[in-house]
Amino acid sequence: MNSGERESPVERAREALRTVIDPELGYNIVDLGLIYEICIDDAGMAHVLMTTTTRGCPATSYLQEGARESVAQLPGIAGVEVVMTYDPEWSPQMMTPEARRYLGIEEEGIQ
């Protein structure tokens, strides 16, 4: 059994979403903290709740489609619904430490 077989469908979806790169920041949408929730029902329908770094982000459609396509290619996925939300509003605190380092954001400067 390889590691992909041991991962849950949600973990596989999260890894697939890491392939989607925010074109403005140059980093993946998972570690940027843009993915709020991933659910996969028994019928294989995936539901992804996500945000963007700002309202009116010009890359919104690109990021939604990238999220949809990355999860849709996984085995066992029958369909993907990507819903955008701004509640809660995104902040740099939602990023992983690695993403903050990549972007040069100091830990103590995070609000």
PDB file of N, CA and C in Angstrom:
ATOM      1  N   MET A   1       0.853  -1.183   0.000  1.00  0.00           N
ATOM      2  CA  MET A   1       0.000   0.000   0.000  1.00  0.00           C
ATOM      3  C   MET A   1       0.893   1.238   0.000  1.00  0.00           C
ATOM      4  N   ASN A   2       0.604   2.189  -0.908  1.00  0.00           N
ATOM      5  CA  ASN A   2       1.399   3.412  -0.897  1.00  0.00           C
ATOM      6  C   ASN A   2       0.749   4.451  -0.001  1.00  0.00           C
ATOM      7  N   SER A   3       1.450   5.560   0.236  1.00  0.00           N
ATOM      8  CA  SER A   3       0.946   6.554   1.186  1.00  0.00           C
ATOM      9  C   SER A   3      -0.365   7.168   0.720  1.00  0.00           C
ATOM     10  N   GLY A   4      -0.593   7.278  -0.600  1.00  0.00           N
ATOM     11  CA  GLY A   4      -1.837   7.828  -1.108  1.00  0.00           C
ATOM     12  C   GLY A   4      -3.036   6.986  -0.741  1.00  0.00           C
ATOM     13  N   GLU A   5      -2.840   5.671  -0.608  1.00  0.00           N
ATOM     14  CA  GLU A   5      -3.942   4.791  -0.243  1.00  0.00           C
ATOM     15  C   GLU A   5      -4.288   4.917   1.234  1.00  0.00           C
ATOM     16  N   ARG A   6      -3.342   5.353   2.048  1.00  0.00           N
ATOM     17  CA  ARG A   6      -3.599   5.500   3.485  1.00  0.00           C
ATOM     18  C   ARG A   6      -4.252   6.840   3.816  1.00  0.00           C
ATOM     19  N   GLU A   7      -4.119   7.804   2.937  1.00  0.00           N
ATOM     20  CA  GLU A   7      -4.693   9.118   3.182  1.00  0.00           C
ATOM     21  C   GLU A   7      -6.209   9.077   3.010  1.00  0.00           C
ATOM     22  N   SER A   8      -6.890   9.875   3.809  1.00  0.00           N
ATOM     23  CA  SER A   8      -8.340   9.990   3.656  1.00  0.00           C
ATOM     24  C   SER A   8      -8.635  10.799   2.389  1.00  0.00           C
ATOM     25  N   PRO A   9      -9.855  10.691   1.872  1.00  0.00           N
ATOM     26  CA  PRO A   9     -10.214  11.507   0.699  1.00  0.00           C
ATOM     27  C   PRO A   9     -10.022  13.009   0.943  1.00  0.00           C
ATOM     28  N   VAL A  10     -10.310  13.468   2.151  1.00  0.00           N
ATOM     29  CA  VAL A  10     -10.125  14.891   2.458  1.00  0.00           C
ATOM     30  C   VAL A  10      -8.640  15.249   2.431  1.00  0.00           C
ATOM     31  N   GLU A  11      -7.786  14.379   2.962  1.00  0.00           N
ATOM     32  CA  GLU A  11      -6.341  14.642   2.927  1.00  0.00           C
ATOM     33  C   GLU A  11      -5.837  14.665   1.487  1.00  0.00           C
ATOM     34  N   ARG A  12      -6.342  13.749   0.649  1.00  0.00           N
ATOM     35  CA  ARG A  12      -5.946  13.741  -0.769  1.00  0.00           C
ATOM     36  C   ARG A  12      -6.408  15.027  -1.458  1.00  0.00           C
ATOM     37  N   ALA A  13      -7.610  15.478  -1.126  1.00  0.00           N
ATOM     38  CA  ALA A  13      -8.112  16.727  -1.710  1.00  0.00           C
ATOM     39  C   ALA A  13      -7.245  17.903  -1.272  1.00  0.00           C
ATOM     40  N   ARG A  14      -6.867  17.930   0.003  1.00  0.00           N
ATOM     41  CA  ARG A  14      -6.016  19.014   0.506  1.00  0.00           C
ATOM     42  C   ARG A  14      -4.669  19.014  -0.237  1.00  0.00           C
ATOM     43  N   GLU A  15      -4.101  17.840  -0.450  1.00  0.00           N
ATOM     44  CA  GLU A  15      -2.830  17.761  -1.186  1.00  0.00           C
ATOM     45  C   GLU A  15      -3.009  18.229  -2.628  1.00  0.00           C
ATOM     46  N   ALA A  16      -4.125  17.863  -3.256  1.00  0.00           N
ATOM     47  CA  ALA A  16      -4.391  18.312  -4.627  1.00  0.00           C
ATOM     48  C   ALA A  16      -4.520  19.833  -4.673  1.00  0.00           C
ATOM     49  N   LEU A  17      -5.171  20.402  -3.676  1.00  0.00           N
ATOM     50  CA  LEU A  17      -5.341  21.856  -3.622  1.00  0.00           C
ATOM     51  C   LEU A  17      -4.010  22.578  -3.445  1.00  0.00           C
ATOM     52  N   ARG A  18      -3.022  21.902  -2.896  1.00  0.00           N
ATOM     53  CA  ARG A  18      -1.687  22.514  -2.752  1.00  0.00           C
ATOM     54  C   ARG A  18      -1.031  22.763  -4.108  1.00  0.00           C
ATOM     55  N   THR A  19      -1.553  22.160  -5.163  1.00  0.00           N
ATOM     56  CA  THR A  19      -0.993  22.395  -6.499  1.00  0.00           C
ATOM     57  C   THR A  19      -1.515  23.687  -7.116  1.00  0.00           C
ATOM     58  N   VAL A  20      -2.517  24.297  -6.475  1.00  0.00           N
ATOM     59  CA  VAL A  20      -3.086  25.549  -6.986  1.00  0.00           C
ATOM     60  C   VAL A  20      -2.297  26.710  -6.375  1.00  0.00           C
ATOM     61  N   ILE A  21      -1.670  27.481  -7.232  1.00  0.00           N
ATOM     62  CA  ILE A  21      -0.797  28.574  -6.795  1.00  0.00           C
ATOM     63  C   ILE A  21      -1.502  29.911  -7.016  1.00  0.00           C
ATOM     64  N   ASP A  22      -1.542  30.724  -5.974  1.00  0.00           N
ATOM     65  CA  ASP A  22      -2.089  32.074  -6.098  1.00  0.00           C
ATOM     66  C   ASP A  22      -1.142  32.852  -7.013  1.00  0.00           C
ATOM     67  N   PRO A  23      -1.640  33.350  -8.158  1.00  0.00           N
ATOM     68  CA  PRO A  23      -0.742  33.998  -9.117  1.00  0.00           C
ATOM     69  C   PRO A  23      -0.149  35.315  -8.619  1.00  0.00           C
ATOM     70  N   GLU A  24      -0.786  35.948  -7.661  1.00  0.00           N
ATOM     71  CA  GLU A  24      -0.262  37.213  -7.145  1.00  0.00           C
ATOM     72  C   GLU A  24       0.809  36.997  -6.081  1.00  0.00           C
ATOM     73  N   LEU A  25       0.635  35.949  -5.266  1.00  0.00           N
ATOM     74  CA  LEU A  25       1.568  35.706  -4.162  1.00  0.00           C
ATOM     75  C   LEU A  25       2.580  34.604  -4.465  1.00  0.00           C
ATOM     76  N   GLY A  26       2.302  33.774  -5.472  1.00  0.00           N
ATOM     77  CA  GLY A  26       3.247  32.734  -5.860  1.00  0.00           C
ATOM     78  C   GLY A  26       3.361  31.594  -4.871  1.00  0.00           C
ATOM     79  N   TYR A  27       2.298  31.345  -4.112  1.00  0.00           N
ATOM     80  CA  TYR A  27       2.329  30.271  -3.113  1.00  0.00           C
ATOM     81  C   TYR A  27       0.998  29.536  -3.162  1.00  0.00           C
ATOM     82  N   ASN A  28       0.980  28.297  -2.652  1.00  0.00           N
ATOM     83  CA  ASN A  28      -0.232  27.485  -2.778  1.00  0.00           C
ATOM     84  C   ASN A  28      -1.356  27.967  -1.864  1.00  0.00           C
ATOM     85  N   ILE A  29      -2.590  27.725  -2.315  1.00  0.00           N
ATOM     86  CA  ILE A  29      -3.762  28.256  -1.621  1.00  0.00           C
ATOM     87  C   ILE A  29      -4.039  27.592  -0.276  1.00  0.00           C
ATOM     88  N   VAL A  30      -3.536  26.387  -0.067  1.00  0.00           N
ATOM     89  CA  VAL A  30      -3.736  25.728   1.233  1.00  0.00           C
ATOM     90  C   VAL A  30      -2.881  26.414   2.289  1.00  0.00           C
ATOM     91  N   ASP A  31      -1.586  26.536   2.029  1.00  0.00           N
ATOM     92  CA  ASP A  31      -0.684  27.124   3.015  1.00  0.00           C
ATOM     93  C   ASP A  31      -0.886  28.630   3.177  1.00  0.00           C
ATOM     94  N   LEU A  32      -1.507  29.267   2.188  1.00  0.00           N
ATOM     95  CA  LEU A  32      -1.874  30.679   2.347  1.00  0.00           C
ATOM     96  C   LEU A  32      -3.082  30.839   3.261  1.00  0.00           C
ATOM     97  N   GLY A  33      -3.744  29.733   3.573  1.00  0.00           N
ATOM     98  CA  GLY A  33      -4.906  29.796   4.460  1.00  0.00           C
ATOM     99  C   GLY A  33      -6.196  30.145   3.743  1.00  0.00           C
ATOM    100  N   LEU A  34      -6.235  29.938   2.431  1.00  0.00           N
ATOM    101  CA  LEU A  34      -7.427  30.287   1.660  1.00  0.00           C
ATOM    102  C   LEU A  34      -8.486  29.189   1.663  1.00  0.00           C
ATOM    103  N   ILE A  35      -8.125  27.987   2.083  1.00  0.00           N
ATOM    104  CA  ILE A  35      -9.083  26.877   2.140  1.00  0.00           C
ATOM    105  C   ILE A  35      -9.604  26.771   3.561  1.00  0.00           C
ATOM    106  N   TYR A  36     -10.897  27.008   3.734  1.00  0.00           N
ATOM    107  CA  TYR A  36     -11.506  26.971   5.062  1.00  0.00           C
ATOM    108  C   TYR A  36     -12.043  25.593   5.414  1.00  0.00           C
ATOM    109  N   GLU A  37     -12.584  24.880   4.430  1.00  0.00           N
ATOM    110  CA  GLU A  37     -13.201  23.589   4.738  1.00  0.00           C
ATOM    111  C   GLU A  37     -13.243  22.721   3.488  1.00  0.00           C
ATOM    112  N   ILE A  38     -13.039  21.423   3.695  1.00  0.00           N
ATOM    113  CA  ILE A  38     -13.179  20.436   2.631  1.00  0.00           C
ATOM    114  C   ILE A  38     -14.046  19.316   3.179  1.00  0.00           C
ATOM    115  N   CYS A  39     -15.127  19.012   2.491  1.00  0.00           N
ATOM    116  CA  CYS A  39     -15.998  17.896   2.872  1.00  0.00           C
ATOM    117  C   CYS A  39     -16.233  17.045   1.633  1.00  0.00           C
ATOM    118  N   ILE A  40     -16.256  15.744   1.819  1.00  0.00           N
ATOM    119  CA  ILE A  40     -16.572  14.834   0.723  1.00  0.00           C
ATOM    120  C   ILE A  40     -17.643  13.886   1.223  1.00  0.00           C
ATOM    121  N   ASP A  41     -18.795  13.894   0.541  1.00  0.00           N
ATOM    122  CA  ASP A  41     -19.897  13.050   1.003  1.00  0.00           C
ATOM    123  C   ASP A  41     -19.766  11.626   0.470  1.00  0.00           C
ATOM    124  N   ASP A  42     -20.662  10.758   0.908  1.00  0.00           N
ATOM    125  CA  ASP A  42     -20.601   9.341   0.536  1.00  0.00           C
ATOM    126  C   ASP A  42     -20.765   9.107  -0.960  1.00  0.00           C
ATOM    127  N   ALA A  43     -21.384  10.044  -1.657  1.00  0.00           N
ATOM    128  CA  ALA A  43     -21.576   9.919  -3.103  1.00  0.00           C
ATOM    129  C   ALA A  43     -20.356  10.416  -3.885  1.00  0.00           C
ATOM    130  N   GLY A  44     -19.335  10.908  -3.176  1.00  0.00           N
ATOM    131  CA  GLY A  44     -18.127  11.396  -3.834  1.00  0.00           C
ATOM    132  C   GLY A  44     -18.192  12.849  -4.258  1.00  0.00           C
ATOM    133  N   MET A  45     -19.192  13.566  -3.773  1.00  0.00           N
ATOM    134  CA  MET A  45     -19.294  14.998  -4.073  1.00  0.00           C
ATOM    135  C   MET A  45     -18.417  15.766  -3.086  1.00  0.00           C
ATOM    136  N   ALA A  46     -17.489  16.534  -3.626  1.00  0.00           N
ATOM    137  CA  ALA A  46     -16.580  17.321  -2.788  1.00  0.00           C
ATOM    138  C   ALA A  46     -17.107  18.746  -2.672  1.00  0.00           C
ATOM    139  N   HIS A  47     -17.034  19.275  -1.470  1.00  0.00           N
ATOM    140  CA  HIS A  47     -17.451  20.644  -1.186  1.00  0.00           C
ATOM    141  C   HIS A  47     -16.243  21.368  -0.593  1.00  0.00           C
ATOM    142  N   VAL A  48     -15.831  22.438  -1.246  1.00  0.00           N
ATOM    143  CA  VAL A  48     -14.671  23.210  -0.810  1.00  0.00           C
ATOM    144  C   VAL A  48     -15.143  24.627  -0.487  1.00  0.00           C
ATOM    145  N   LEU A  49     -14.882  25.055   0.732  1.00  0.00           N
ATOM    146  CA  LEU A  49     -15.189  26.420   1.159  1.00  0.00           C
ATOM    147  C   LEU A  49     -13.868  27.177   1.207  1.00  0.00           C
ATOM    148  N   MET A  50     -13.794  28.267   0.465  1.00  0.00           N
ATOM    149  CA  MET A  50     -12.527  28.986   0.383  1.00  0.00           C
ATOM    150  C   MET A  50     -12.756  30.488   0.332  1.00  0.00           C
ATOM    151  N   THR A  51     -11.665  31.217   0.391  1.00  0.00           N
ATOM    152  CA  THR A  51     -11.703  32.674   0.337  1.00  0.00           C
ATOM    153  C   THR A  51     -10.571  33.161  -0.552  1.00  0.00           C
ATOM    154  N   THR A  52     -10.447  34.458  -0.648  1.00  0.00           N
ATOM    155  CA  THR A  52      -9.292  35.080  -1.291  1.00  0.00           C
ATOM    156  C   THR A  52      -8.691  36.060  -0.283  1.00  0.00           C
ATOM    157  N   THR A  53      -7.519  36.555  -0.588  1.00  0.00           N
ATOM    158  CA  THR A  53      -6.862  37.453   0.366  1.00  0.00           C
ATOM    159  C   THR A  53      -7.581  38.790   0.482  1.00  0.00           C
ATOM    160  N   THR A  54      -8.312  39.182  -0.559  1.00  0.00           N
ATOM    161  CA  THR A  54      -9.084  40.427  -0.520  1.00  0.00           C
ATOM    162  C   THR A  54     -10.390  40.249  -1.288  1.00  0.00           C
ATOM    163  N   ARG A  55     -11.407  40.980  -0.882  1.00  0.00           N
ATOM    164  CA  ARG A  55     -12.653  41.009  -1.660  1.00  0.00           C
ATOM    165  C   ARG A  55     -12.346  41.638  -3.013  1.00  0.00           C
ATOM    166  N   GLY A  56     -12.961  41.119  -4.038  1.00  0.00           N
ATOM    167  CA  GLY A  56     -12.730  41.665  -5.367  1.00  0.00           C
ATOM    168  C   GLY A  56     -11.396  41.270  -5.963  1.00  0.00           C
ATOM    169  N   CYS A  57     -10.767  40.251  -5.398  1.00  0.00           N
ATOM    170  CA  CYS A  57      -9.476  39.768  -5.902  1.00  0.00           C
ATOM    171  C   CYS A  57      -9.617  39.420  -7.387  1.00  0.00           C
ATOM    172  N   PRO A  58      -8.749  39.952  -8.248  1.00  0.00           N
ATOM    173  CA  PRO A  58      -8.860  39.662  -9.675  1.00  0.00           C
ATOM    174  C   PRO A  58      -8.610  38.194 -10.026  1.00  0.00           C
ATOM    175  N   ALA A  59      -8.025  37.439  -9.115  1.00  0.00           N
ATOM    176  CA  ALA A  59      -7.730  36.028  -9.378  1.00  0.00           C
ATOM    177  C   ALA A  59      -8.817  35.089  -8.849  1.00  0.00           C
ATOM    178  N   THR A  60      -9.944  35.623  -8.384  1.00  0.00           N
ATOM    179  CA  THR A  60     -10.978  34.790  -7.769  1.00  0.00           C
ATOM    180  C   THR A  60     -11.422  33.654  -8.680  1.00  0.00           C
ATOM    181  N   SER A  61     -11.809  33.952  -9.910  1.00  0.00           N
ATOM    182  CA  SER A  61     -12.283  32.910 -10.835  1.00  0.00           C
ATOM    183  C   SER A  61     -11.187  31.889 -11.120  1.00  0.00           C
ATOM    184  N   TYR A  62      -9.974  32.375 -11.301  1.00  0.00           N
ATOM    185  CA  TYR A  62      -8.833  31.491 -11.549  1.00  0.00           C
ATOM    186  C   TYR A  62      -8.632  30.526 -10.380  1.00  0.00           C
ATOM    187  N   LEU A  63      -8.687  31.043  -9.162  1.00  0.00           N
ATOM    188  CA  LEU A  63      -8.479  30.205  -7.978  1.00  0.00           C
ATOM    189  C   LEU A  63      -9.624  29.212  -7.796  1.00  0.00           C
ATOM    190  N   GLN A  64     -10.862  29.648  -8.020  1.00  0.00           N
ATOM    191  CA  GLN A  64     -12.010  28.743  -7.923  1.00  0.00           C
ATOM    192  C   GLN A  64     -11.882  27.604  -8.922  1.00  0.00           C
ATOM    193  N   GLU A  65     -11.573  27.936 -10.160  1.00  0.00           N
ATOM    194  CA  GLU A  65     -11.464  26.907 -11.193  1.00  0.00           C
ATOM    195  C   GLU A  65     -10.287  25.979 -10.909  1.00  0.00           C
ATOM    196  N   GLY A  66      -9.179  26.530 -10.447  1.00  0.00           N
ATOM    197  CA  GLY A  66      -8.036  25.692 -10.090  1.00  0.00           C
ATOM    198  C   GLY A  66      -8.375  24.729  -8.972  1.00  0.00           C
ATOM    199  N   ALA A  67      -9.094  25.220  -7.969  1.00  0.00           N
ATOM    200  CA  ALA A  67      -9.516  24.358  -6.862  1.00  0.00           C
ATOM    201  C   ALA A  67     -10.431  23.255  -7.378  1.00  0.00           C
ATOM    202  N   ARG A  68     -11.401  23.627  -8.205  1.00  0.00           N
ATOM    203  CA  ARG A  68     -12.346  22.653  -8.750  1.00  0.00           C
ATOM    204  C   ARG A  68     -11.607  21.575  -9.559  1.00  0.00           C
ATOM    205  N   GLU A  69     -10.748  21.998 -10.457  1.00  0.00           N
ATOM    206  CA  GLU A  69     -10.039  21.056 -11.326  1.00  0.00           C
ATOM    207  C   GLU A  69      -9.096  20.149 -10.543  1.00  0.00           C
ATOM    208  N   SER A  70      -8.408  20.695  -9.554  1.00  0.00           N
ATOM    209  CA  SER A  70      -7.434  19.888  -8.811  1.00  0.00           C
ATOM    210  C   SER A  70      -8.110  18.772  -8.028  1.00  0.00           C
ATOM    211  N   VAL A  71      -9.279  19.046  -7.457  1.00  0.00           N
ATOM    212  CA  VAL A  71      -9.991  18.025  -6.681  1.00  0.00           C
ATOM    213  C   VAL A  71     -10.746  17.075  -7.606  1.00  0.00           C
ATOM    214  N   ALA A  72     -11.279  17.583  -8.708  1.00  0.00           N
ATOM    215  CA  ALA A  72     -12.076  16.762  -9.628  1.00  0.00           C
ATOM    216  C   ALA A  72     -11.278  15.608 -10.224  1.00  0.00           C
ATOM    217  N   GLN A  73      -9.980  15.748 -10.354  1.00  0.00           N
ATOM    218  CA  GLN A  73      -9.167  14.696 -10.976  1.00  0.00           C
ATOM    219  C   GLN A  73      -8.855  13.538 -10.027  1.00  0.00           C
ATOM    220  N   LEU A  74      -9.234  13.661  -8.766  1.00  0.00           N
ATOM    221  CA  LEU A  74      -8.939  12.600  -7.800  1.00  0.00           C
ATOM    222  C   LEU A  74      -9.865  11.406  -7.987  1.00  0.00           C
ATOM    223  N   PRO A  75      -9.360  10.188  -7.769  1.00  0.00           N
ATOM    224  CA  PRO A  75     -10.213   9.003  -7.855  1.00  0.00           C
ATOM    225  C   PRO A  75     -11.340   9.078  -6.826  1.00  0.00           C
ATOM    226  N   GLY A  76     -12.522   8.675  -7.236  1.00  0.00           N
ATOM    227  CA  GLY A  76     -13.657   8.626  -6.327  1.00  0.00           C
ATOM    228  C   GLY A  76     -14.424   9.924  -6.190  1.00  0.00           C
ATOM    229  N   ILE A  77     -13.968  10.974  -6.865  1.00  0.00           N
ATOM    230  CA  ILE A  77     -14.665  12.258  -6.794  1.00  0.00           C
ATOM    231  C   ILE A  77     -15.654  12.344  -7.956  1.00  0.00           C
ATOM    232  N   ALA A  78     -16.938  12.489  -7.613  1.00  0.00           N
ATOM    233  CA  ALA A  78     -18.000  12.548  -8.618  1.00  0.00           C
ATOM    234  C   ALA A  78     -18.255  13.972  -9.106  1.00  0.00           C
ATOM    235  N   GLY A  79     -17.943  14.937  -8.282  1.00  0.00           N
ATOM    236  CA  GLY A  79     -18.154  16.337  -8.630  1.00  0.00           C
ATOM    237  C   GLY A  79     -17.565  17.220  -7.554  1.00  0.00           C
ATOM    238  N   VAL A  80     -17.406  18.493  -7.881  1.00  0.00           N
ATOM    239  CA  VAL A  80     -16.799  19.436  -6.936  1.00  0.00           C
ATOM    240  C   VAL A  80     -17.607  20.731  -6.933  1.00  0.00           C
ATOM    241  N   GLU A  81     -17.955  21.173  -5.747  1.00  0.00           N
ATOM    242  CA  GLU A  81     -18.591  22.473  -5.565  1.00  0.00           C
ATOM    243  C   GLU A  81     -17.610  23.342  -4.781  1.00  0.00           C
ATOM    244  N   VAL A  82     -17.264  24.485  -5.347  1.00  0.00           N
ATOM    245  CA  VAL A  82     -16.372  25.427  -4.676  1.00  0.00           C
ATOM    246  C   VAL A  82     -17.189  26.668  -4.332  1.00  0.00           C
ATOM    247  N   VAL A  83     -17.242  26.987  -3.050  1.00  0.00           N
ATOM    248  CA  VAL A  83     -18.008  28.139  -2.573  1.00  0.00           C
ATOM    249  C   VAL A  83     -17.038  29.153  -1.975  1.00  0.00           C
ATOM    250  N   MET A  84     -17.198  30.408  -2.395  1.00  0.00           N
ATOM    251  CA  MET A  84     -16.372  31.490  -1.858  1.00  0.00           C
ATOM    252  C   MET A  84     -17.080  32.118  -0.665  1.00  0.00           C
ATOM    253  N   THR A  85     -16.291  32.501   0.338  1.00  0.00           N
ATOM    254  CA  THR A  85     -16.824  33.206   1.501  1.00  0.00           C
ATOM    255  C   THR A  85     -15.812  34.247   1.956  1.00  0.00           C
ATOM    256  N   TYR A  86     -16.299  35.239   2.649  1.00  0.00           N
ATOM    257  CA  TYR A  86     -15.413  36.226   3.267  1.00  0.00           C
ATOM    258  C   TYR A  86     -15.715  36.318   4.756  1.00  0.00           C
ATOM    259  N   ASP A  87     -16.251  35.233   5.283  1.00  0.00           N
ATOM    260  CA  ASP A  87     -16.571  35.136   6.705  1.00  0.00           C
ATOM    261  C   ASP A  87     -16.013  33.822   7.234  1.00  0.00           C
ATOM    262  N   PRO A  88     -14.924  33.864   7.953  1.00  0.00           N
ATOM    263  CA  PRO A  88     -14.225  35.066   8.406  1.00  0.00           C
ATOM    264  C   PRO A  88     -13.372  35.667   7.291  1.00  0.00           C
ATOM    265  N   GLU A  89     -13.084  36.928   7.452  1.00  0.00           N
ATOM    266  CA  GLU A  89     -12.211  37.613   6.515  1.00  0.00           C
ATOM    267  C   GLU A  89     -10.799  37.050   6.659  1.00  0.00           C
ATOM    268  N   TRP A  90     -10.126  36.841   5.531  1.00  0.00           N
ATOM    269  CA  TRP A  90      -8.771  36.288   5.548  1.00  0.00           C
ATOM    270  C   TRP A  90      -7.813  37.274   6.215  1.00  0.00           C
ATOM    271  N   SER A  91      -6.824  36.720   6.912  1.00  0.00           N
ATOM    272  CA  SER A  91      -5.740  37.529   7.468  1.00  0.00           C
ATOM    273  C   SER A  91      -4.447  36.720   7.392  1.00  0.00           C
ATOM    274  N   PRO A  92      -3.292  37.372   7.462  1.00  0.00           N
ATOM    275  CA  PRO A  92      -2.014  36.660   7.405  1.00  0.00           C
ATOM    276  C   PRO A  92      -1.850  35.608   8.505  1.00  0.00           C
ATOM    277  N   GLN A  93      -2.591  35.733   9.601  1.00  0.00           N
ATOM    278  CA  GLN A  93      -2.524  34.725  10.666  1.00  0.00           C
ATOM    279  C   GLN A  93      -2.964  33.351  10.175  1.00  0.00           C
ATOM    280  N   MET A  94      -3.725  33.303   9.102  1.00  0.00           N
ATOM    281  CA  MET A  94      -4.244  32.042   8.575  1.00  0.00           C
ATOM    282  C   MET A  94      -3.199  31.277   7.770  1.00  0.00           C
ATOM    283  N   MET A  95      -2.098  31.925   7.441  1.00  0.00           N
ATOM    284  CA  MET A  95      -1.046  31.276   6.662  1.00  0.00           C
ATOM    285  C   MET A  95      -0.206  30.371   7.550  1.00  0.00           C
ATOM    286  N   THR A  96       0.392  29.361   6.933  1.00  0.00           N
ATOM    287  CA  THR A  96       1.338  28.529   7.666  1.00  0.00           C
ATOM    288  C   THR A  96       2.612  29.343   7.906  1.00  0.00           C
ATOM    289  N   PRO A  97       3.404  28.957   8.902  1.00  0.00           N
ATOM    290  CA  PRO A  97       4.682  29.649   9.117  1.00  0.00           C
ATOM    291  C   PRO A  97       5.569  29.628   7.868  1.00  0.00           C
ATOM    292  N   GLU A  98       5.532  28.533   7.108  1.00  0.00           N
ATOM    293  CA  GLU A  98       6.342  28.433   5.893  1.00  0.00           C
ATOM    294  C   GLU A  98       5.917  29.476   4.864  1.00  0.00           C
ATOM    295  N   ALA A  99       4.606  29.657   4.698  1.00  0.00           N
ATOM    296  CA  ALA A  99       4.110  30.649   3.744  1.00  0.00           C
ATOM    297  C   ALA A  99       4.488  32.057   4.190  1.00  0.00           C
ATOM    298  N   ARG A 100       4.384  32.324   5.483  1.00  0.00           N
ATOM    299  CA  ARG A 100       4.762  33.651   5.982  1.00  0.00           C
ATOM    300  C   ARG A 100       6.247  33.914   5.740  1.00  0.00           C
ATOM    301  N   ARG A 101       7.087  32.908   5.991  1.00  0.00           N
ATOM    302  CA  ARG A 101       8.528  33.071   5.740  1.00  0.00           C
ATOM    303  C   ARG A 101       8.784  33.330   4.255  1.00  0.00           C
ATOM    304  N   TYR A 102       8.112  32.549   3.402  1.00  0.00           N
ATOM    305  CA  TYR A 102       8.278  32.700   1.954  1.00  0.00           C
ATOM    306  C   TYR A 102       7.956  34.130   1.518  1.00  0.00           C
ATOM    307  N   LEU A 103       6.912  34.695   2.110  1.00  0.00           N
ATOM    308  CA  LEU A 103       6.474  36.045   1.748  1.00  0.00           C
ATOM    309  C   LEU A 103       7.173  37.135   2.555  1.00  0.00           C
ATOM    310  N   GLY A 104       8.057  36.733   3.483  1.00  0.00           N
ATOM    311  CA  GLY A 104       8.812  37.697   4.272  1.00  0.00           C
ATOM    312  C   GLY A 104       7.994  38.406   5.327  1.00  0.00           C
ATOM    313  N   ILE A 105       6.975  37.726   5.843  1.00  0.00           N
ATOM    314  CA  ILE A 105       6.131  38.312   6.884  1.00  0.00           C
ATOM    315  C   ILE A 105       6.653  37.859   8.237  1.00  0.00           C
ATOM    316  N   GLU A 106       6.986  38.813   9.074  1.00  0.00           N
ATOM    317  CA  GLU A 106       7.508  38.508  10.409  1.00  0.00           C
ATOM    318  C   GLU A 106       6.397  38.008  11.309  1.00  0.00           C
ATOM    319  N   GLU A 107       6.696  36.987  12.098  1.00  0.00           N
ATOM    320  CA  GLU A 107       5.710  36.407  13.015  1.00  0.00           C
ATOM    321  C   GLU A 107       5.139  37.448  13.971  1.00  0.00           C
ATOM    322  N   GLU A 108       5.996  38.266  14.582  1.00  0.00           N
ATOM    323  CA  GLU A 108       5.497  39.213  15.578  1.00  0.00           C
ATOM    324  C   GLU A 108       4.709  40.358  14.947  1.00  0.00           C
ATOM    325  N   GLY A 109       4.832  40.540  13.633  1.00  0.00           N
ATOM    326  CA  GLY A 109       4.114  41.612  12.963  1.00  0.00           C
ATOM    327  C   GLY A 109       2.720  41.230  12.504  1.00  0.00           C
ATOM    328  N   ILE A 110       2.303  40.014  12.788  1.00  0.00           N
ATOM    329  CA  ILE A 110       0.994  39.550  12.326  1.00  0.00           C
ATOM    330  C   ILE A 110      -0.101  40.068  13.238  1.00  0.00           C
ATOM    331  N   GLN A 111      -1.104  40.639  12.636  1.00  0.00           N
ATOM    332  CA  GLN A 111      -2.248  41.170  13.393  1.00  0.00           C
ATOM    333  C   GLN A 111      -3.411  40.214  13.331  1.00  0.00           C
TER     334      GLN A 111
END
